[in-house]
């Protein structure tokens, strides 16, 4: 997967849950050095109103060797990507 910031990462799908609207994947490989040896991410969709609105949450679990800077950068990337998803869903 090529991200907006130019980074290329390879992921392995661990779970795709149609009943609970979530997907989980593991980071397998990256084209640049990362500050973490393991990362598992999950996106969840939840209905929040009777007006056809959806809450999208994106979370990640990291190995113990992760740095605080890496987590902060990932939070920023998650937020940017969620904004892109929101923008594209409105079209």
N, C-alpha and C. Protein backbone atom coordinates (compact mmCIF):
# COMPACT_ATOMS: atom_id res chain seq x y z
N UNK A 1 0.85 -1.15 0.00
CA UNK A 1 0.00 0.00 0.00
C UNK A 1 0.90 1.23 0.00
N UNK A 2 0.62 2.17 -0.89
CA UNK A 2 1.38 3.41 -0.91
C UNK A 2 0.56 4.48 -0.21
N UNK A 3 1.14 5.08 0.83
CA UNK A 3 0.46 6.10 1.62
C UNK A 3 0.66 7.47 1.00
N UNK A 4 -0.16 8.39 1.42
CA UNK A 4 -0.15 9.76 0.92
C UNK A 4 1.22 10.43 1.11
N UNK A 5 1.93 10.08 2.18
CA UNK A 5 3.23 10.69 2.46
C UNK A 5 4.36 10.06 1.64
N UNK A 6 4.02 9.13 0.76
CA UNK A 6 5.01 8.50 -0.11
C UNK A 6 5.55 7.18 0.39
N UNK A 7 5.29 6.85 1.65
CA UNK A 7 5.78 5.59 2.21
C UNK A 7 5.03 4.41 1.60
N UNK A 8 5.75 3.33 1.38
CA UNK A 8 5.13 2.10 0.91
C UNK A 8 5.27 1.04 2.00
N UNK A 9 4.15 0.43 2.35
CA UNK A 9 4.14 -0.60 3.39
C UNK A 9 3.35 -1.81 2.89
N UNK A 10 3.81 -2.97 3.29
CA UNK A 10 3.12 -4.21 2.97
C UNK A 10 2.42 -4.69 4.24
N UNK A 11 1.15 -5.07 4.11
CA UNK A 11 0.35 -5.53 5.24
C UNK A 11 -0.19 -6.92 4.98
N UNK A 12 -0.50 -7.63 6.08
CA UNK A 12 -1.17 -8.92 5.99
C UNK A 12 -2.51 -8.80 6.71
N UNK A 13 -3.58 -9.13 6.01
CA UNK A 13 -4.91 -9.09 6.60
C UNK A 13 -5.03 -10.20 7.64
N UNK A 14 -5.38 -9.83 8.86
CA UNK A 14 -5.54 -10.81 9.93
C UNK A 14 -7.00 -11.17 10.18
N UNK A 15 -7.89 -10.18 10.00
CA UNK A 15 -9.31 -10.44 10.23
C UNK A 15 -10.14 -9.46 9.41
N UNK A 16 -11.22 -9.97 8.86
CA UNK A 16 -12.21 -9.16 8.17
C UNK A 16 -13.56 -9.62 8.69
N UNK A 17 -14.19 -8.77 9.48
CA UNK A 17 -15.41 -9.15 10.19
C UNK A 17 -16.61 -8.41 9.62
N UNK A 18 -17.39 -9.08 8.78
CA UNK A 18 -18.56 -8.47 8.16
C UNK A 18 -19.69 -8.22 9.17
N UNK A 19 -19.76 -9.04 10.20
CA UNK A 19 -20.83 -8.88 11.18
C UNK A 19 -20.62 -7.64 12.04
N UNK A 20 -19.37 -7.38 12.46
CA UNK A 20 -19.08 -6.26 13.35
C UNK A 20 -18.36 -5.11 12.64
N UNK A 21 -18.28 -5.17 11.32
CA UNK A 21 -17.74 -4.09 10.49
C UNK A 21 -16.36 -3.62 10.94
N UNK A 22 -15.41 -4.55 10.90
CA UNK A 22 -14.03 -4.18 11.25
C UNK A 22 -13.04 -5.00 10.45
N UNK A 23 -11.87 -4.42 10.28
CA UNK A 23 -10.77 -5.10 9.59
C UNK A 23 -9.51 -4.89 10.42
N UNK A 24 -8.70 -5.95 10.51
CA UNK A 24 -7.46 -5.91 11.28
C UNK A 24 -6.33 -6.41 10.40
N UNK A 25 -5.20 -5.71 10.44
CA UNK A 25 -4.05 -6.11 9.63
C UNK A 25 -2.75 -5.85 10.39
N UNK A 26 -1.72 -6.54 9.94
CA UNK A 26 -0.40 -6.46 10.55
C UNK A 26 0.58 -5.86 9.55
N UNK A 27 1.43 -4.98 10.04
CA UNK A 27 2.49 -4.42 9.20
C UNK A 27 3.56 -5.49 9.02
N UNK A 28 3.87 -5.81 7.76
CA UNK A 28 4.82 -6.88 7.47
C UNK A 28 6.15 -6.32 6.97
N UNK A 29 6.09 -5.25 6.20
CA UNK A 29 7.30 -4.74 5.55
C UNK A 29 7.10 -3.27 5.20
N UNK A 30 8.20 -2.52 5.18
CA UNK A 30 8.15 -1.11 4.80
C UNK A 30 9.36 -0.77 3.95
N UNK A 31 9.21 0.25 3.08
CA UNK A 31 10.32 0.64 2.22
C UNK A 31 11.32 1.56 2.93
N UNK A 32 11.07 1.87 4.19
CA UNK A 32 12.01 2.66 4.98
C UNK A 32 12.04 2.11 6.41
N UNK A 33 13.10 2.44 7.13
CA UNK A 33 13.24 1.95 8.50
C UNK A 33 12.13 2.51 9.39
N UNK A 34 11.55 1.64 10.19
CA UNK A 34 10.52 2.06 11.13
C UNK A 34 11.06 1.96 12.55
N UNK A 35 10.41 2.68 13.43
CA UNK A 35 10.82 2.67 14.84
C UNK A 35 9.99 1.68 15.65
N UNK A 36 9.58 0.61 14.98
CA UNK A 36 8.75 -0.40 15.64
C UNK A 36 8.98 -1.74 14.93
N UNK A 37 8.98 -2.81 15.71
CA UNK A 37 9.18 -4.12 15.08
C UNK A 37 7.86 -4.83 14.78
N UNK A 38 6.77 -4.35 15.39
CA UNK A 38 5.47 -4.97 15.15
C UNK A 38 4.37 -3.94 15.35
N UNK A 39 3.37 -3.98 14.43
CA UNK A 39 2.23 -3.09 14.53
C UNK A 39 1.00 -3.80 13.97
N UNK A 40 -0.06 -3.81 14.75
CA UNK A 40 -1.33 -4.38 14.32
C UNK A 40 -2.38 -3.28 14.41
N UNK A 41 -3.07 -3.03 13.28
CA UNK A 41 -4.04 -1.95 13.21
C UNK A 41 -5.44 -2.49 12.95
N UNK A 42 -6.44 -1.75 13.44
CA UNK A 42 -7.83 -2.12 13.24
C UNK A 42 -8.65 -0.88 12.90
N UNK A 43 -9.50 -1.01 11.91
CA UNK A 43 -10.52 0.00 11.60
C UNK A 43 -11.86 -0.61 11.94
N UNK A 44 -12.68 0.17 12.68
CA UNK A 44 -14.02 -0.29 13.06
C UNK A 44 -15.05 0.74 12.59
N UNK A 45 -16.20 0.26 12.16
CA UNK A 45 -17.32 1.12 11.78
C UNK A 45 -18.47 0.84 12.72
N UNK A 46 -19.08 1.91 13.26
CA UNK A 46 -20.21 1.74 14.16
C UNK A 46 -21.32 2.71 13.79
N UNK A 47 -22.52 2.22 13.72
CA UNK A 47 -23.68 3.07 13.51
C UNK A 47 -23.91 3.86 14.80
N UNK A 48 -24.06 5.18 14.69
CA UNK A 48 -24.21 5.99 15.91
C UNK A 48 -25.55 6.70 16.00
N UNK A 49 -26.31 6.77 14.94
CA UNK A 49 -27.60 7.44 14.99
C UNK A 49 -28.58 6.73 14.07
N UNK A 50 -29.81 7.17 14.13
CA UNK A 50 -30.80 6.65 13.20
C UNK A 50 -30.85 7.46 11.91
N UNK A 51 -29.87 8.37 11.73
CA UNK A 51 -29.81 9.21 10.54
C UNK A 51 -28.76 8.73 9.54
N UNK A 52 -28.40 7.46 9.63
CA UNK A 52 -27.45 6.86 8.70
C UNK A 52 -26.05 7.44 8.83
N UNK A 53 -25.63 7.78 10.06
CA UNK A 53 -24.27 8.25 10.32
C UNK A 53 -23.44 7.10 10.85
N UNK A 54 -22.14 7.17 10.59
CA UNK A 54 -21.23 6.11 11.01
C UNK A 54 -20.00 6.69 11.69
N UNK A 55 -19.61 6.10 12.82
CA UNK A 55 -18.37 6.45 13.50
C UNK A 55 -17.29 5.50 12.99
N UNK A 56 -16.19 6.06 12.50
CA UNK A 56 -15.05 5.25 12.05
C UNK A 56 -13.93 5.45 13.06
N UNK A 57 -13.44 4.37 13.64
CA UNK A 57 -12.29 4.46 14.56
C UNK A 57 -11.15 3.63 14.00
N UNK A 58 -9.94 4.11 14.22
CA UNK A 58 -8.73 3.47 13.73
C UNK A 58 -7.77 3.40 14.90
N UNK A 59 -7.35 2.21 15.26
CA UNK A 59 -6.46 2.04 16.39
C UNK A 59 -5.33 1.10 16.03
N UNK A 60 -4.28 1.13 16.84
CA UNK A 60 -3.13 0.25 16.58
C UNK A 60 -2.51 -0.20 17.89
N UNK A 61 -1.98 -1.41 17.87
CA UNK A 61 -1.17 -1.95 18.97
C UNK A 61 0.25 -2.08 18.45
N UNK A 62 1.23 -1.70 19.29
CA UNK A 62 2.63 -1.67 18.89
C UNK A 62 3.47 -2.57 19.79
N UNK A 63 4.60 -3.02 19.26
CA UNK A 63 5.55 -3.77 20.07
C UNK A 63 6.18 -2.83 21.10
N UNK A 64 6.81 -3.41 22.10
CA UNK A 64 7.36 -2.62 23.21
C UNK A 64 8.51 -1.71 22.78
N UNK A 65 9.11 -1.95 21.62
CA UNK A 65 10.24 -1.12 21.19
C UNK A 65 9.83 0.16 20.47
N UNK A 66 8.55 0.47 20.42
CA UNK A 66 8.07 1.64 19.70
C UNK A 66 8.45 2.92 20.46
N UNK A 67 8.72 3.97 19.69
CA UNK A 67 9.05 5.26 20.31
C UNK A 67 7.78 6.12 20.38
N UNK A 68 7.78 7.07 21.29
CA UNK A 68 6.66 7.99 21.41
C UNK A 68 6.49 8.82 20.15
N UNK A 69 7.60 9.20 19.52
CA UNK A 69 7.53 9.98 18.28
C UNK A 69 6.82 9.19 17.18
N UNK A 70 7.12 7.90 17.09
CA UNK A 70 6.48 7.06 16.07
C UNK A 70 4.97 7.02 16.30
N UNK A 71 4.55 6.83 17.54
CA UNK A 71 3.12 6.78 17.85
C UNK A 71 2.45 8.10 17.50
N UNK A 72 3.08 9.22 17.85
CA UNK A 72 2.51 10.53 17.53
C UNK A 72 2.39 10.73 16.02
N UNK A 73 3.39 10.30 15.27
CA UNK A 73 3.31 10.40 13.81
C UNK A 73 2.19 9.53 13.25
N UNK A 74 2.05 8.33 13.78
CA UNK A 74 0.99 7.44 13.33
C UNK A 74 -0.39 8.03 13.63
N UNK A 75 -0.55 8.65 14.80
CA UNK A 75 -1.82 9.31 15.13
C UNK A 75 -2.15 10.38 14.10
N UNK A 76 -1.13 11.15 13.72
CA UNK A 76 -1.32 12.20 12.72
C UNK A 76 -1.73 11.58 11.38
N UNK A 77 -1.04 10.51 10.97
CA UNK A 77 -1.36 9.85 9.70
C UNK A 77 -2.76 9.25 9.74
N UNK A 78 -3.13 8.61 10.87
CA UNK A 78 -4.47 8.05 11.00
C UNK A 78 -5.51 9.15 10.81
N UNK A 79 -5.32 10.27 11.49
CA UNK A 79 -6.26 11.38 11.40
C UNK A 79 -6.38 11.90 9.97
N UNK A 80 -5.25 12.08 9.29
CA UNK A 80 -5.27 12.55 7.90
C UNK A 80 -5.99 11.55 7.00
N UNK A 81 -5.71 10.28 7.19
CA UNK A 81 -6.35 9.26 6.35
C UNK A 81 -7.85 9.15 6.63
N UNK A 82 -8.24 9.31 7.90
CA UNK A 82 -9.67 9.30 8.21
C UNK A 82 -10.38 10.49 7.57
N UNK A 83 -9.73 11.65 7.53
CA UNK A 83 -10.31 12.81 6.85
C UNK A 83 -10.48 12.54 5.36
N UNK A 84 -9.50 11.87 4.76
CA UNK A 84 -9.62 11.50 3.33
C UNK A 84 -10.79 10.54 3.11
N UNK A 85 -10.95 9.57 4.01
CA UNK A 85 -12.07 8.64 3.90
C UNK A 85 -13.38 9.41 3.98
N UNK A 86 -13.48 10.31 4.95
CA UNK A 86 -14.70 11.10 5.13
C UNK A 86 -14.99 11.92 3.88
N UNK A 87 -13.97 12.56 3.34
CA UNK A 87 -14.17 13.38 2.16
C UNK A 87 -14.64 12.54 0.97
N UNK A 88 -14.04 11.38 0.79
CA UNK A 88 -14.41 10.53 -0.34
C UNK A 88 -15.78 9.88 -0.19
N UNK A 89 -16.21 9.66 1.03
CA UNK A 89 -17.54 9.07 1.25
C UNK A 89 -18.64 10.09 0.99
N UNK A 90 -18.33 11.37 1.12
CA UNK A 90 -19.33 12.41 0.90
C UNK A 90 -19.59 12.65 -0.58
N UNK A 91 -18.71 12.19 -1.43
CA UNK A 91 -18.84 12.44 -2.87
C UNK A 91 -19.90 11.58 -3.50
